[in-house]
Amino acid sequence: MDQPFVVRPPDLAEPGLAEAAFRLQLAAHRLELAWLGEPPDLPLLWDGAAAVTACPYRQLAAFEGAELRGLLVYEEEGDGVHIQRIVVDPAHFGQGWGYRLVNALLAVAPHVTVDTAEGNAAALRLYGKAGFVPEQRWHTPGGLALWRLGYRRPPDEAALPPLSLDTAGWVPEARHCPSPNRDARAAGVATELLVVHNISLPPYRYGGPGVEQLFTNTLDPEAHPYYATIHHLRVSAHFFIRRDGELVQFVPVTERAWHAGVSSWRGRERCNDFSLGVELEGCDFEPFADAQYRTLIALARLLKQQLGLTGMTGHEHIAPGRKTDPGPYFDWARLRRLVDLPAE
């Protein structure tokens, strides 16, 4: 599968990249000034391409193919890092580039702060979605109201959501969205395996209703070009974990969901017969969110305790060559460390 985007430190020696970064900052800065009513104390970070190259701060850049879509500039501060600026190409607002940059930073930095204008609703939504919380409010000398927002990753064993399982096979703490794409398990077949997948609809976009619509046969083929190619599918998973850790359940664990397709585990075919499927909102090309791991860990522990699962694996492992999820960014080591189940 071709990689549709990448987030990485930019090589500013690459011809034209520093100039592209400066132009991107100018365009984003003009738009932010307009949003905030032209405040006098919202300076540019760079005054030219040479300043981009000489910048002492660290940077992450988001590329779509060879095109620069966004930049995140940050520095070490105390026991964490502080975001100095995020800029996204205004022509590509609303496509997840800001979240993609923040998500890449949070994957490697457990404590992050950022200052943002109170009137910048888009920035406040972005950071809230990523798990930042308000820490301090103040005003610049020119009267611009700012918030310092902070993100601190809890220890691995902390902040796991409490989950339970009722006698009908539903997790009461999950949001229930029943799917018709399910059937009965064969008598006497134990549920042994947890299969981890990833999914995003539209591709590489998060937060929309597409996944729930696909699993309930209500996807509108005209809502997005990609939907016209998949709306006829009759598929489901037992669970779906959104980027903020929300757990959605489509099928009770007592029944089969149609998630694995042609598959084999330890020489046994038809993994749907003896497995549970959990979809993580995400893709093969960027890290999953910490909140998703916490929900997944709590869920896996619950299902092992209540159902006696004996293993967990990825869709790519039971359908090699056909499937690639959850992909190289999934942290199997973390799951193995915190869930007492073999992962293979």
C-alpha atoms as a PDB file:
ATOM      1  CA  MET A   1       0.000   0.000   0.000  1.00  0.00           C
ATOM      2  CA  ASP A   2       1.384   3.408  -0.963  1.00  0.00           C
ATOM      3  CA  GLN A   3       1.943   5.714   1.991  1.00  0.00           C
ATOM      4  CA  PRO A   4      -0.493   8.632   1.571  1.00  0.00           C
ATOM      5  CA  PHE A   5       1.214  10.932   4.076  1.00  0.00           C
ATOM      6  CA  VAL A   6       4.176  11.109   6.412  1.00  0.00           C
ATOM      7  CA  VAL A   7       5.038  13.123   9.532  1.00  0.00           C
ATOM      8  CA  ARG A   8       8.766  13.523  10.141  1.00  0.00           C
ATOM      9  CA  PRO A   9      11.420  16.090  11.082  1.00  0.00           C
ATOM     10  CA  PRO A  10      11.964  18.208   7.964  1.00  0.00           C
ATOM     11  CA  ASP A  11      15.299  18.299   6.174  1.00  0.00           C
ATOM     12  CA  LEU A  12      15.537  22.055   5.702  1.00  0.00           C
ATOM     13  CA  ALA A  13      18.498  21.596   3.371  1.00  0.00           C
ATOM     14  CA  GLU A  14      16.037  20.122   0.884  1.00  0.00           C
ATOM     15  CA  PRO A  15      15.680  22.655  -1.953  1.00  0.00           C
ATOM     16  CA  GLY A  16      12.694  24.926  -1.510  1.00  0.00           C
ATOM     17  CA  LEU A  17      11.480  23.448   1.780  1.00  0.00           C
ATOM     18  CA  ALA A  18      12.455  26.368   4.033  1.00  0.00           C
ATOM     19  CA  GLU A  19      10.764  28.786   1.624  1.00  0.00           C
ATOM     20  CA  ALA A  20       7.666  26.577   1.524  1.00  0.00           C
ATOM     21  CA  ALA A  21       7.585  26.526   5.338  1.00  0.00           C
ATOM     22  CA  PHE A  22       7.845  30.318   5.493  1.00  0.00           C
ATOM     23  CA  ARG A  23       5.040  30.788   2.940  1.00  0.00           C
ATOM     24  CA  LEU A  24       2.877  28.306   4.827  1.00  0.00           C
ATOM     25  CA  GLN A  25       3.405  30.263   8.040  1.00  0.00           C
ATOM     26  CA  LEU A  26       2.454  33.529   6.319  1.00  0.00           C
ATOM     27  CA  ALA A  27      -0.794  32.102   4.950  1.00  0.00           C
ATOM     28  CA  ALA A  28      -1.805  30.542   8.274  1.00  0.00           C
ATOM     29  CA  HIS A  29      -0.826  33.689  10.187  1.00  0.00           C
ATOM     30  CA  ARG A  30      -2.972  35.933   7.969  1.00  0.00           C
ATOM     31  CA  LEU A  31      -5.960  33.689   8.565  1.00  0.00           C
ATOM     32  CA  GLU A  32      -5.435  33.572  12.336  1.00  0.00           C
ATOM     33  CA  LEU A  33      -5.143  37.369  12.468  1.00  0.00           C
ATOM     34  CA  ALA A  34      -8.469  37.640  10.658  1.00  0.00           C
ATOM     35  CA  TRP A  35     -10.101  35.197  13.084  1.00  0.00           C
ATOM     36  CA  LEU A  36      -8.833  37.107  16.114  1.00  0.00           C
ATOM     37  CA  GLY A  37      -9.596  40.624  14.899  1.00  0.00           C
ATOM     38  CA  GLU A  38      -6.051  41.708  13.992  1.00  0.00           C
ATOM     39  CA  PRO A  39      -4.469  41.652  17.498  1.00  0.00           C
ATOM     40  CA  PRO A  40      -1.215  43.651  17.720  1.00  0.00           C
ATOM     41  CA  ASP A  41       0.770  40.995  19.590  1.00  0.00           C
ATOM     42  CA  LEU A  42       0.541  37.832  17.517  1.00  0.00           C
ATOM     43  CA  PRO A  43       3.980  37.881  15.893  1.00  0.00           C
ATOM     44  CA  LEU A  44       5.330  35.710  13.128  1.00  0.00           C
ATOM     45  CA  LEU A  45       7.701  32.999  14.264  1.00  0.00           C
ATOM     46  CA  TRP A  46       9.933  33.511  11.199  1.00  0.00           C
ATOM     47  CA  ASP A  47      10.572  36.612   9.086  1.00  0.00           C
ATOM     48  CA  GLY A  48      11.986  34.733   6.110  1.00  0.00           C
ATOM     49  CA  ALA A  49      13.234  31.406   4.786  1.00  0.00           C
ATOM     50  CA  ALA A  50      16.662  31.975   6.348  1.00  0.00           C
ATOM     51  CA  ALA A  51      15.025  32.229   9.774  1.00  0.00           C
ATOM     52  CA  VAL A  52      13.310  28.891   9.190  1.00  0.00           C
ATOM     53  CA  THR A  53      16.660  27.245   8.494  1.00  0.00           C
ATOM     54  CA  ALA A  54      18.283  28.920  11.515  1.00  0.00           C
ATOM     55  CA  CYS A  55      15.377  28.163  13.872  1.00  0.00           C
ATOM     56  CA  PRO A  56      16.694  26.729  17.175  1.00  0.00           C
ATOM     57  CA  TYR A  57      13.477  24.833  17.870  1.00  0.00           C
ATOM     58  CA  ARG A  58      12.667  21.298  16.817  1.00  0.00           C
ATOM     59  CA  GLN A  59      10.154  20.732  14.067  1.00  0.00           C
ATOM     60  CA  LEU A  60       7.803  18.100  12.696  1.00  0.00           C
ATOM     61  CA  ALA A  61       6.477  18.399   9.163  1.00  0.00           C
ATOM     62  CA  ALA A  62       3.460  16.726   7.584  1.00  0.00           C
ATOM     63  CA  PHE A  63       3.704  15.859   3.901  1.00  0.00           C
ATOM     64  CA  GLU A  64       1.137  14.579   1.446  1.00  0.00           C
ATOM     65  CA  GLY A  65       3.362  13.098  -1.205  1.00  0.00           C
ATOM     66  CA  ALA A  66       5.978  15.805  -1.746  1.00  0.00           C
ATOM     67  CA  GLU A  67       3.653  18.639  -0.687  1.00  0.00           C
ATOM     68  CA  LEU A  68       4.097  20.306   2.700  1.00  0.00           C
ATOM     69  CA  ARG A  69       0.737  20.448   4.517  1.00  0.00           C
ATOM     70  CA  GLY A  70       1.716  21.523   8.017  1.00  0.00           C
ATOM     71  CA  LEU A  71       4.452  22.206  10.561  1.00  0.00           C
ATOM     72  CA  LEU A  72       4.723  21.842  14.320  1.00  0.00           C
ATOM     73  CA  VAL A  73       7.512  23.745  16.086  1.00  0.00           C
ATOM     74  CA  TYR A  74       8.421  22.825  19.663  1.00  0.00           C
ATOM     75  CA  GLU A  75      11.137  23.099  22.318  1.00  0.00           C
ATOM     76  CA  GLU A  76      12.081  21.235  25.466  1.00  0.00           C
ATOM     77  CA  GLU A  77      10.716  22.904  28.587  1.00  0.00           C
ATOM     78  CA  GLY A  78      11.070  21.520  32.098  1.00  0.00           C
ATOM     79  CA  ASP A  79      10.067  17.863  32.164  1.00  0.00           C
ATOM     80  CA  GLY A  80       8.313  18.032  28.805  1.00  0.00           C
ATOM     81  CA  VAL A  81       8.041  19.974  25.584  1.00  0.00           C
ATOM     82  CA  HIS A  82       6.252  23.191  24.663  1.00  0.00           C
ATOM     83  CA  ILE A  83       4.634  23.723  21.276  1.00  0.00           C
ATOM     84  CA  GLN A  84       5.725  27.087  19.902  1.00  0.00           C
ATOM     85  CA  ARG A  85       3.549  27.058  16.809  1.00  0.00           C
ATOM     86  CA  ILE A  86       1.453  24.835  14.576  1.00  0.00           C
ATOM     87  CA  VAL A  87       0.725  26.002  11.056  1.00  0.00           C
ATOM     88  CA  VAL A  88      -1.430  24.195   8.517  1.00  0.00           C
ATOM     89  CA  ASP A  89      -1.969  25.103   4.878  1.00  0.00           C
ATOM     90  CA  PRO A  90      -5.324  26.964   4.890  1.00  0.00           C
ATOM     91  CA  ALA A  91      -6.245  25.246   1.617  1.00  0.00           C
ATOM     92  CA  HIS A  92      -6.222  21.961   3.535  1.00  0.00           C
ATOM     93  CA  PHE A  93      -7.955  22.943   6.764  1.00  0.00           C
ATOM     94  CA  GLY A  94     -10.381  20.370   8.096  1.00  0.00           C
ATOM     95  CA  GLN A  95      -8.404  17.416   6.751  1.00  0.00           C
ATOM     96  CA  GLY A  96      -6.759  16.394  10.024  1.00  0.00           C
ATOM     97  CA  TRP A  97      -3.243  17.747   9.429  1.00  0.00           C
ATOM     98  CA  GLY A  98      -3.055  19.624  12.726  1.00  0.00           C
ATOM     99  CA  TYR A  99      -4.221  16.581  14.673  1.00  0.00           C
ATOM    100  CA  ARG A 100      -1.763  14.409  12.756  1.00  0.00           C
ATOM    101  CA  LEU A 101       1.143  16.626  13.846  1.00  0.00           C
ATOM    102  CA  VAL A 102       0.032  16.770  17.488  1.00  0.00           C
ATOM    103  CA  ASN A 103      -0.566  13.020  17.556  1.00  0.00           C
ATOM    104  CA  ALA A 104       2.964  12.351  16.292  1.00  0.00           C
ATOM    105  CA  LEU A 105       4.413  14.528  19.056  1.00  0.00           C
ATOM    106  CA  LEU A 106       2.297  12.943  21.798  1.00  0.00           C
ATOM    107  CA  ALA A 107       3.518   9.503  20.728  1.00  0.00           C
ATOM    108  CA  VAL A 108       7.038  10.427  21.889  1.00  0.00           C
ATOM    109  CA  ALA A 109       6.468  13.194  24.474  1.00  0.00           C
ATOM    110  CA  PRO A 110       4.494  12.297  27.627  1.00  0.00           C
ATOM    111  CA  HIS A 111       4.137  15.921  28.798  1.00  0.00           C
ATOM    112  CA  VAL A 112       3.294  18.707  26.344  1.00  0.00           C
ATOM    113  CA  THR A 113       2.079  22.290  26.777  1.00  0.00           C
ATOM    114  CA  VAL A 114       0.882  24.895  24.298  1.00  0.00           C
ATOM    115  CA  ASP A 115      -0.382  28.487  24.453  1.00  0.00           C
ATOM    116  CA  THR A 116      -3.281  29.380  22.190  1.00  0.00           C
ATOM    117  CA  ALA A 117      -5.599  32.336  21.774  1.00  0.00           C
ATOM    118  CA  GLU A 118      -8.966  32.053  23.471  1.00  0.00           C
ATOM    119  CA  GLY A 119     -10.616  33.178  20.256  1.00  0.00           C
ATOM    120  CA  ASN A 120      -9.005  30.467  18.133  1.00  0.00           C
ATOM    121  CA  ALA A 121     -11.853  27.967  18.309  1.00  0.00           C
ATOM    122  CA  ALA A 122     -10.255  25.610  15.778  1.00  0.00           C
ATOM    123  CA  ALA A 123      -7.077  25.315  17.856  1.00  0.00           C
ATOM    124  CA  LEU A 124      -9.018  24.768  21.074  1.00  0.00           C
ATOM    125  CA  ARG A 125     -11.018  21.968  19.409  1.00  0.00           C
ATOM    126  CA  LEU A 126      -7.839  20.381  18.066  1.00  0.00           C
ATOM    127  CA  TYR A 127      -6.082  20.304  21.423  1.00  0.00           C
ATOM    128  CA  GLY A 128      -9.195  19.191  23.267  1.00  0.00           C
ATOM    129  CA  LYS A 129      -9.575  16.287  20.849  1.00  0.00           C
ATOM    130  CA  ALA A 130      -5.965  15.296  21.551  1.00  0.00           C
ATOM    131  CA  GLY A 131      -6.519  15.265  25.325  1.00  0.00           C
ATOM    132  CA  PHE A 132      -5.164  18.671  26.403  1.00  0.00           C
ATOM    133  CA  VAL A 133      -6.815  20.428  29.352  1.00  0.00           C
ATOM    134  CA  PRO A 134      -6.772  24.126  30.373  1.00  0.00           C
ATOM    135  CA  GLU A 135      -4.066  25.029  32.892  1.00  0.00           C
ATOM    136  CA  GLN A 136      -3.866  28.840  32.968  1.00  0.00           C
ATOM    137  CA  ARG A 137      -5.518  31.887  31.380  1.00  0.00           C
ATOM    138  CA  TRP A 138      -3.874  35.283  30.951  1.00  0.00           C
ATOM    139  CA  HIS A 139      -3.719  38.352  28.680  1.00  0.00           C
ATOM    140  CA  THR A 140      -0.894  39.747  26.601  1.00  0.00           C
ATOM    141  CA  PRO A 141       0.012  43.446  27.050  1.00  0.00           C
ATOM    142  CA  GLY A 142      -2.106  44.141  23.972  1.00  0.00           C
ATOM    143  CA  GLY A 143      -5.146  42.487  25.563  1.00  0.00           C
ATOM    144  CA  LEU A 144      -5.158  39.157  23.698  1.00  0.00           C
ATOM    145  CA  ALA A 145      -6.638  36.403  25.907  1.00  0.00           C
ATOM    146  CA  LEU A 146      -4.536  33.235  25.905  1.00  0.00           C
ATOM    147  CA  TRP A 147      -4.874  29.783  27.398  1.00  0.00           C
ATOM    148  CA  ARG A 148      -2.037  27.509  28.384  1.00  0.00           C
ATOM    149  CA  LEU A 149      -3.190  23.962  27.703  1.00  0.00           C
ATOM    150  CA  GLY A 150      -1.416  20.864  28.939  1.00  0.00           C
ATOM    151  CA  TYR A 151      -1.271  17.172  28.172  1.00  0.00           C
ATOM    152  CA  ARG A 152       0.268  14.699  30.594  1.00  0.00           C
ATOM    153  CA  ARG A 153       0.189  10.993  29.818  1.00  0.00           C
ATOM    154  CA  PRO A 154      -0.833   8.992  32.908  1.00  0.00           C
ATOM    155  CA  PRO A 155       1.202   5.964  34.027  1.00  0.00           C
ATOM    156  CA  ASP A 156       0.300   2.786  32.155  1.00  0.00           C
ATOM    157  CA  GLU A 157      -1.750   1.298  34.986  1.00  0.00           C
ATOM    158  CA  ALA A 158      -3.625   4.545  35.665  1.00  0.00           C
ATOM    159  CA  ALA A 159      -6.772   5.889  34.035  1.00  0.00           C
ATOM    160  CA  LEU A 160      -7.994   2.548  32.683  1.00  0.00           C
ATOM    161  CA  PRO A 161     -11.756   2.829  32.156  1.00  0.00           C
ATOM    162  CA  PRO A 162     -13.888   0.523  34.326  1.00  0.00           C
ATOM    163  CA  LEU A 163     -15.641  -2.015  32.094  1.00  0.00           C
ATOM    164  CA  SER A 164     -18.003  -4.907  32.769  1.00  0.00           C
ATOM    165  CA  LEU A 165     -19.870  -7.545  30.774  1.00  0.00           C
ATOM    166  CA  ASP A 166     -23.548  -8.393  31.157  1.00  0.00           C
ATOM    167  CA  THR A 167     -25.152 -11.790  30.653  1.00  0.00           C
ATOM    168  CA  ALA A 168     -26.303 -10.880  27.130  1.00  0.00           C
ATOM    169  CA  GLY A 169     -22.737 -10.220  25.997  1.00  0.00           C
ATOM    170  CA  TRP A 170     -22.841  -6.423  26.007  1.00  0.00           C
ATOM    171  CA  VAL A 171     -20.460  -4.045  27.784  1.00  0.00           C
ATOM    172  CA  PRO A 172     -22.790  -1.620  29.617  1.00  0.00           C
ATOM    173  CA  GLU A 173     -20.189   1.162  29.652  1.00  0.00           C
ATOM    174  CA  ALA A 174     -19.889   1.105  25.839  1.00  0.00           C
ATOM    175  CA  ARG A 175     -22.165   3.008  23.492  1.00  0.00           C
ATOM    176  CA  HIS A 176     -24.335   0.395  21.799  1.00  0.00           C
ATOM    177  CA  CYS A 177     -24.863   0.552  18.047  1.00  0.00           C
ATOM    178  CA  PRO A 178     -26.308  -2.864  17.086  1.00  0.00           C
ATOM    179  CA  SER A 179     -25.221  -4.227  13.715  1.00  0.00           C
ATOM    180  CA  PRO A 180     -27.312  -6.609  11.616  1.00  0.00           C
ATOM    181  CA  ASN A 181     -24.079  -8.118  10.288  1.00  0.00           C
ATOM    182  CA  ARG A 182     -23.768 -10.954  12.770  1.00  0.00           C
ATOM    183  CA  ASP A 183     -24.911 -14.510  13.352  1.00  0.00           C
ATOM    184  CA  ALA A 184     -24.880 -17.252  15.973  1.00  0.00           C
ATOM    185  CA  ARG A 185     -21.732 -19.036  17.017  1.00  0.00           C
ATOM    186  CA  ALA A 186     -21.688 -22.780  16.532  1.00  0.00           C
ATOM    187  CA  ALA A 187     -22.616 -24.752  19.626  1.00  0.00           C
ATOM    188  CA  GLY A 188     -19.665 -25.746  21.758  1.00  0.00           C
ATOM    189  CA  VAL A 189     -17.151 -23.397  20.081  1.00  0.00           C
ATOM    190  CA  ALA A 190     -15.266 -21.356  22.680  1.00  0.00           C
ATOM    191  CA  THR A 191     -14.310 -17.726  22.113  1.00  0.00           C
ATOM    192  CA  GLU A 192     -10.514 -17.797  22.285  1.00  0.00           C
ATOM    193  CA  LEU A 193      -8.989 -14.971  20.255  1.00  0.00           C
ATOM    194  CA  LEU A 194      -9.015 -11.156  20.211  1.00  0.00           C
ATOM    195  CA  VAL A 195      -8.264  -9.697  16.761  1.00  0.00           C
ATOM    196  CA  VAL A 196      -7.086  -6.073  16.519  1.00  0.00           C
ATOM    197  CA  HIS A 197      -7.914  -4.071  13.375  1.00  0.00           C
ATOM    198  CA  ASN A 198      -7.783  -0.439  12.303  1.00  0.00           C
ATOM    199  CA  ILE A 199     -10.285   1.536  10.264  1.00  0.00           C
ATOM    200  CA  SER A 200     -11.013   5.133   9.284  1.00  0.00           C
ATOM    201  CA  LEU A 201     -13.784   6.468   7.071  1.00  0.00           C
ATOM    202  CA  PRO A 202     -13.225   8.411   4.943  1.00  0.00           C
ATOM    203  CA  PRO A 203      -9.701   6.985   4.733  1.00  0.00           C
ATOM    204  CA  TYR A 204      -7.298   8.723   7.153  1.00  0.00           C
ATOM    205  CA  ARG A 205     -10.049  10.982   8.565  1.00  0.00           C
ATOM    206  CA  TYR A 206     -11.199  10.593  12.154  1.00  0.00           C
ATOM    207  CA  GLY A 207     -14.261  11.496  14.169  1.00  0.00           C
ATOM    208  CA  GLY A 208     -17.020  11.065  11.590  1.00  0.00           C
ATOM    209  CA  PRO A 209     -19.962   8.637  11.457  1.00  0.00           C
ATOM    210  CA  GLY A 210     -18.668   6.556   8.537  1.00  0.00           C
ATOM    211  CA  VAL A 211     -17.521   3.493  10.483  1.00  0.00           C
ATOM    212  CA  GLU A 212     -20.780   3.192  12.393  1.00  0.00           C
ATOM    213  CA  GLN A 213     -22.723   3.650   9.170  1.00  0.00           C
ATOM    214  CA  LEU A 214     -20.694   0.942   7.405  1.00  0.00           C
ATOM    215  CA  PHE A 215     -21.261  -1.552  10.217  1.00  0.00           C
ATOM    216  CA  THR A 216     -25.015  -0.828  10.273  1.00  0.00           C
ATOM    217  CA  ASN A 217     -25.514  -0.877   6.469  1.00  0.00           C
ATOM    218  CA  THR A 218     -26.430   2.823   6.322  1.00  0.00           C
ATOM    219  CA  LEU A 219     -23.362   4.223   4.531  1.00  0.00           C
ATOM    220  CA  ASP A 220     -24.340   6.757   1.861  1.00  0.00           C
ATOM    221  CA  PRO A 221     -22.437   5.937  -1.360  1.00  0.00           C
ATOM    222  CA  GLU A 222     -22.686   9.584  -2.435  1.00  0.00           C
ATOM    223  CA  ALA A 223     -21.234  11.055   0.772  1.00  0.00           C
ATOM    224  CA  HIS A 224     -17.627  10.390  -0.303  1.00  0.00           C
ATOM    225  CA  PRO A 225     -16.092   8.877  -3.461  1.00  0.00           C
ATOM    226  CA  TYR A 226     -14.595   5.997  -1.478  1.00  0.00           C
ATOM    227  CA  TYR A 227     -17.974   5.082  -0.012  1.00  0.00           C
ATOM    228  CA  ALA A 228     -19.266   4.182  -3.468  1.00  0.00           C
ATOM    229  CA  THR A 229     -16.749   1.313  -3.522  1.00  0.00           C
ATOM    230  CA  ILE A 230     -17.608  -0.169  -0.110  1.00  0.00           C
ATOM    231  CA  HIS A 231     -21.223   0.669   0.772  1.00  0.00           C
ATOM    232  CA  HIS A 232     -22.402  -2.769  -0.386  1.00  0.00           C
ATOM    233  CA  LEU A 233     -20.161  -4.626   2.086  1.00  0.00           C
ATOM    234  CA  ARG A 234     -21.781  -6.469   4.967  1.00  0.00           C
ATOM    235  CA  VAL A 235     -19.165  -6.341   7.701  1.00  0.00           C
ATOM    236  CA  SER A 236     -18.923  -5.581  11.394  1.00  0.00           C
ATOM    237  CA  ALA A 237     -16.723  -5.880  14.453  1.00  0.00           C
ATOM    238  CA  HIS A 238     -17.697  -6.443  18.041  1.00  0.00           C
ATOM    239  CA  PHE A 239     -16.055  -3.211  19.187  1.00  0.00           C
ATOM    240  CA  PHE A 240     -14.768   0.104  17.840  1.00  0.00           C
ATOM    241  CA  ILE A 241     -12.450   2.380  19.848  1.00  0.00           C
ATOM    242  CA  ARG A 242     -12.395   6.021  18.776  1.00  0.00           C
ATOM    243  CA  ARG A 243      -9.362   8.300  19.045  1.00  0.00           C
ATOM    244  CA  ASP A 244     -10.573   9.731  22.366  1.00  0.00           C
ATOM    245  CA  GLY A 245     -10.964   6.241  23.845  1.00  0.00           C
ATOM    246  CA  GLU A 246     -14.741   6.002  23.454  1.00  0.00           C
ATOM    247  CA  LEU A 247     -15.865   2.377  23.196  1.00  0.00           C
ATOM    248  CA  VAL A 248     -18.651   1.512  20.746  1.00  0.00           C
ATOM    249  CA  GLN A 249     -20.131  -2.002  20.629  1.00  0.00           C
ATOM    250  CA  PHE A 250     -21.911  -3.410  17.570  1.00  0.00           C
ATOM    251  CA  VAL A 251     -22.259  -7.131  18.321  1.00  0.00           C
ATOM    252  CA  PRO A 252     -22.579  -8.992  21.634  1.00  0.00           C
ATOM    253  CA  VAL A 253     -19.609 -11.193  22.450  1.00  0.00           C
ATOM    254  CA  THR A 254     -21.933 -14.206  22.469  1.00  0.00           C
ATOM    255  CA  GLU A 255     -22.394 -13.891  18.678  1.00  0.00           C
ATOM    256  CA  ARG A 256     -20.158 -13.809  15.615  1.00  0.00           C
ATOM    257  CA  ALA A 257     -19.245 -10.484  14.053  1.00  0.00           C
ATOM    258  CA  TRP A 258     -18.119 -10.473  10.427  1.00  0.00           C
ATOM    259  CA  HIS A 259     -14.674  -8.950  10.823  1.00  0.00           C
ATOM    260  CA  ALA A 260     -11.941 -11.441   9.936  1.00  0.00           C
ATOM    261  CA  GLY A 261     -12.868 -12.775   6.490  1.00  0.00           C
ATOM    262  CA  VAL A 262     -10.650 -15.494   5.051  1.00  0.00           C
ATOM    263  CA  SER A 263      -8.254 -16.120   7.918  1.00  0.00           C
ATOM    264  CA  SER A 264      -6.251 -18.650   9.897  1.00  0.00           C
ATOM    265  CA  TRP A 265      -4.810 -18.738  13.440  1.00  0.00           C
ATOM    266  CA  ARG A 266      -2.613 -21.557  14.698  1.00  0.00           C
ATOM    267  CA  GLY A 267      -3.767 -23.642  11.752  1.00  0.00           C
ATOM    268  CA  ARG A 268      -7.481 -23.040  12.387  1.00  0.00           C
ATOM    269  CA  GLU A 269      -9.489 -21.488   9.562  1.00  0.00           C
ATOM    270  CA  ARG A 270     -12.531 -19.175   9.821  1.00  0.00           C
ATOM    271  CA  CYS A 271     -11.394 -16.991  12.695  1.00  0.00           C
ATOM    272  CA  ASN A 272     -14.820 -15.356  12.974  1.00  0.00           C
ATOM    273  CA  ASP A 273     -16.045 -18.614  14.511  1.00  0.00           C
ATOM    274  CA  PHE A 274     -13.900 -18.328  17.643  1.00  0.00           C
ATOM    275  CA  SER A 275     -12.744 -14.698  17.837  1.00  0.00           C
ATOM    276  CA  LEU A 276     -13.762 -11.201  18.826  1.00  0.00           C
ATOM    277  CA  GLY A 277     -12.917  -8.229  16.610  1.00  0.00           C
ATOM    278  CA  VAL A 278     -11.972  -4.776  17.881  1.00  0.00           C
ATOM    279  CA  GLU A 279     -11.417  -1.909  15.461  1.00  0.00           C
ATOM    280  CA  LEU A 280      -9.210   1.035  16.408  1.00  0.00           C
ATOM    281  CA  GLU A 281      -9.953   4.319  14.681  1.00  0.00           C
ATOM    282  CA  GLY A 282      -6.728   4.861  12.787  1.00  0.00           C
ATOM    283  CA  CYS A 283      -4.616   3.681   9.890  1.00  0.00           C
ATOM    284  CA  ASP A 284      -1.325   1.961   9.092  1.00  0.00           C
ATOM    285  CA  PHE A 285       0.647   5.208   8.820  1.00  0.00           C
ATOM    286  CA  GLU A 286       0.554   6.981  12.191  1.00  0.00           C
ATOM    287  CA  PRO A 287       0.496   6.193  15.926  1.00  0.00           C
ATOM    288  CA  PHE A 288      -2.676   5.336  17.769  1.00  0.00           C
ATOM    289  CA  ALA A 289      -3.765   7.558  20.654  1.00  0.00           C
ATOM    290  CA  ASP A 290      -2.915   6.821  24.271  1.00  0.00           C
ATOM    291  CA  ALA A 291      -6.623   6.895  25.176  1.00  0.00           C
ATOM    292  CA  GLN A 292      -7.247   4.095  22.676  1.00  0.00           C
ATOM    293  CA  TYR A 293      -4.625   1.858  24.270  1.00  0.00           C
ATOM    294  CA  ARG A 294      -6.147   2.404  27.713  1.00  0.00           C
ATOM    295  CA  THR A 295      -9.593   1.347  26.525  1.00  0.00           C
ATOM    296  CA  LEU A 296      -8.155  -1.600  24.595  1.00  0.00           C
ATOM    297  CA  ILE A 297      -6.144  -2.786  27.604  1.00  0.00           C
ATOM    298  CA  ALA A 298      -9.185  -2.574  29.893  1.00  0.00           C
ATOM    299  CA  LEU A 299     -11.325  -4.384  27.315  1.00  0.00           C
ATOM    300  CA  ALA A 300      -8.783  -7.152  26.695  1.00  0.00           C
ATOM    301  CA  ARG A 301      -8.385  -7.756  30.427  1.00  0.00           C
ATOM    302  CA  LEU A 302     -12.162  -7.943  30.847  1.00  0.00           C
ATOM    303  CA  LEU A 303     -12.642 -10.366  27.959  1.00  0.00           C
ATOM    304  CA  LYS A 304      -9.807 -12.611  29.133  1.00  0.00           C
ATOM    305  CA  GLN A 305     -11.264 -12.727  32.635  1.00  0.00           C
ATOM    306  CA  GLN A 306     -14.866 -13.295  31.582  1.00  0.00           C
ATOM    307  CA  LEU A 307     -14.433 -15.455  28.472  1.00  0.00           C
ATOM    308  CA  GLY A 308     -11.088 -17.162  28.963  1.00  0.00           C
ATOM    309  CA  LEU A 309      -9.389 -15.805  25.843  1.00  0.00           C
ATOM    310  CA  THR A 310      -6.111 -17.539  25.069  1.00  0.00           C
ATOM    311  CA  GLY A 311      -4.531 -15.150  22.557  1.00  0.00           C
ATOM    312  CA  MET A 312      -4.615 -11.833  20.737  1.00  0.00           C
ATOM    313  CA  THR A 313      -3.380 -10.991  17.279  1.00  0.00           C
ATOM    314  CA  GLY A 314      -3.677  -8.530  14.416  1.00  0.00           C
ATOM    315  CA  HIS A 315      -5.737  -8.825  11.262  1.00  0.00           C
ATOM    316  CA  GLU A 316      -2.461  -8.756   9.337  1.00  0.00           C
ATOM    317  CA  HIS A 317      -1.319 -11.899  11.162  1.00  0.00           C
ATOM    318  CA  ILE A 318      -4.400 -14.021  10.466  1.00  0.00           C
ATOM    319  CA  ALA A 319      -4.779 -12.795   6.868  1.00  0.00           C
ATOM    320  CA  PRO A 320      -1.191 -12.128   5.712  1.00  0.00           C
ATOM    321  CA  GLY A 321      -0.875 -10.728   2.214  1.00  0.00           C
ATOM    322  CA  ARG A 322      -4.521  -9.689   2.253  1.00  0.00           C
ATOM    323  CA  LYS A 323      -4.605  -7.370   5.273  1.00  0.00           C
ATOM    324  CA  THR A 324      -2.036  -5.037   6.837  1.00  0.00           C
ATOM    325  CA  ASP A 325      -3.764  -3.740   9.966  1.00  0.00           C
ATOM    326  CA  PRO A 326      -3.259  -2.692  12.675  1.00  0.00           C
ATOM    327  CA  GLY A 327       0.090  -1.950  11.039  1.00  0.00           C
ATOM    328  CA  PRO A 328       3.619  -0.996  12.085  1.00  0.00           C
ATOM    329  CA  TYR A 329       2.619   1.836  14.431  1.00  0.00           C
ATOM    330  CA  PHE A 330       0.626  -0.418  16.747  1.00  0.00           C
ATOM    331  CA  ASP A 331       2.469  -0.935  20.051  1.00  0.00           C
ATOM    332  CA  TRP A 332       2.269  -4.693  20.584  1.00  0.00           C
ATOM    333  CA  ALA A 333       4.940  -4.502  23.296  1.00  0.00           C
ATOM    334  CA  ARG A 334       2.715  -2.251  25.403  1.00  0.00           C
ATOM    335  CA  LEU A 335      -0.260  -4.566  24.973  1.00  0.00           C
ATOM    336  CA  ARG A 336       1.790  -7.655  25.877  1.00  0.00           C
ATOM    337  CA  ARG A 337       3.181  -5.912  28.949  1.00  0.00           C
ATOM    338  CA  LEU A 338      -0.228  -4.935  30.315  1.00  0.00           C
ATOM    339  CA  VAL A 339      -2.465  -7.811  29.193  1.00  0.00           C
ATOM    340  CA  ASP A 340      -1.610 -11.332  30.265  1.00  0.00           C
ATOM    341  CA  LEU A 341      -2.271 -12.911  26.878  1.00  0.00           C
ATOM    342  CA  PRO A 342       0.094 -14.202  24.192  1.00  0.00           C
ATOM    343  CA  ALA A 343       0.182 -11.784  21.245  1.00  0.00           C
ATOM    344  CA  GLU A 344       1.214 -13.215  17.900  1.00  0.00           C
END
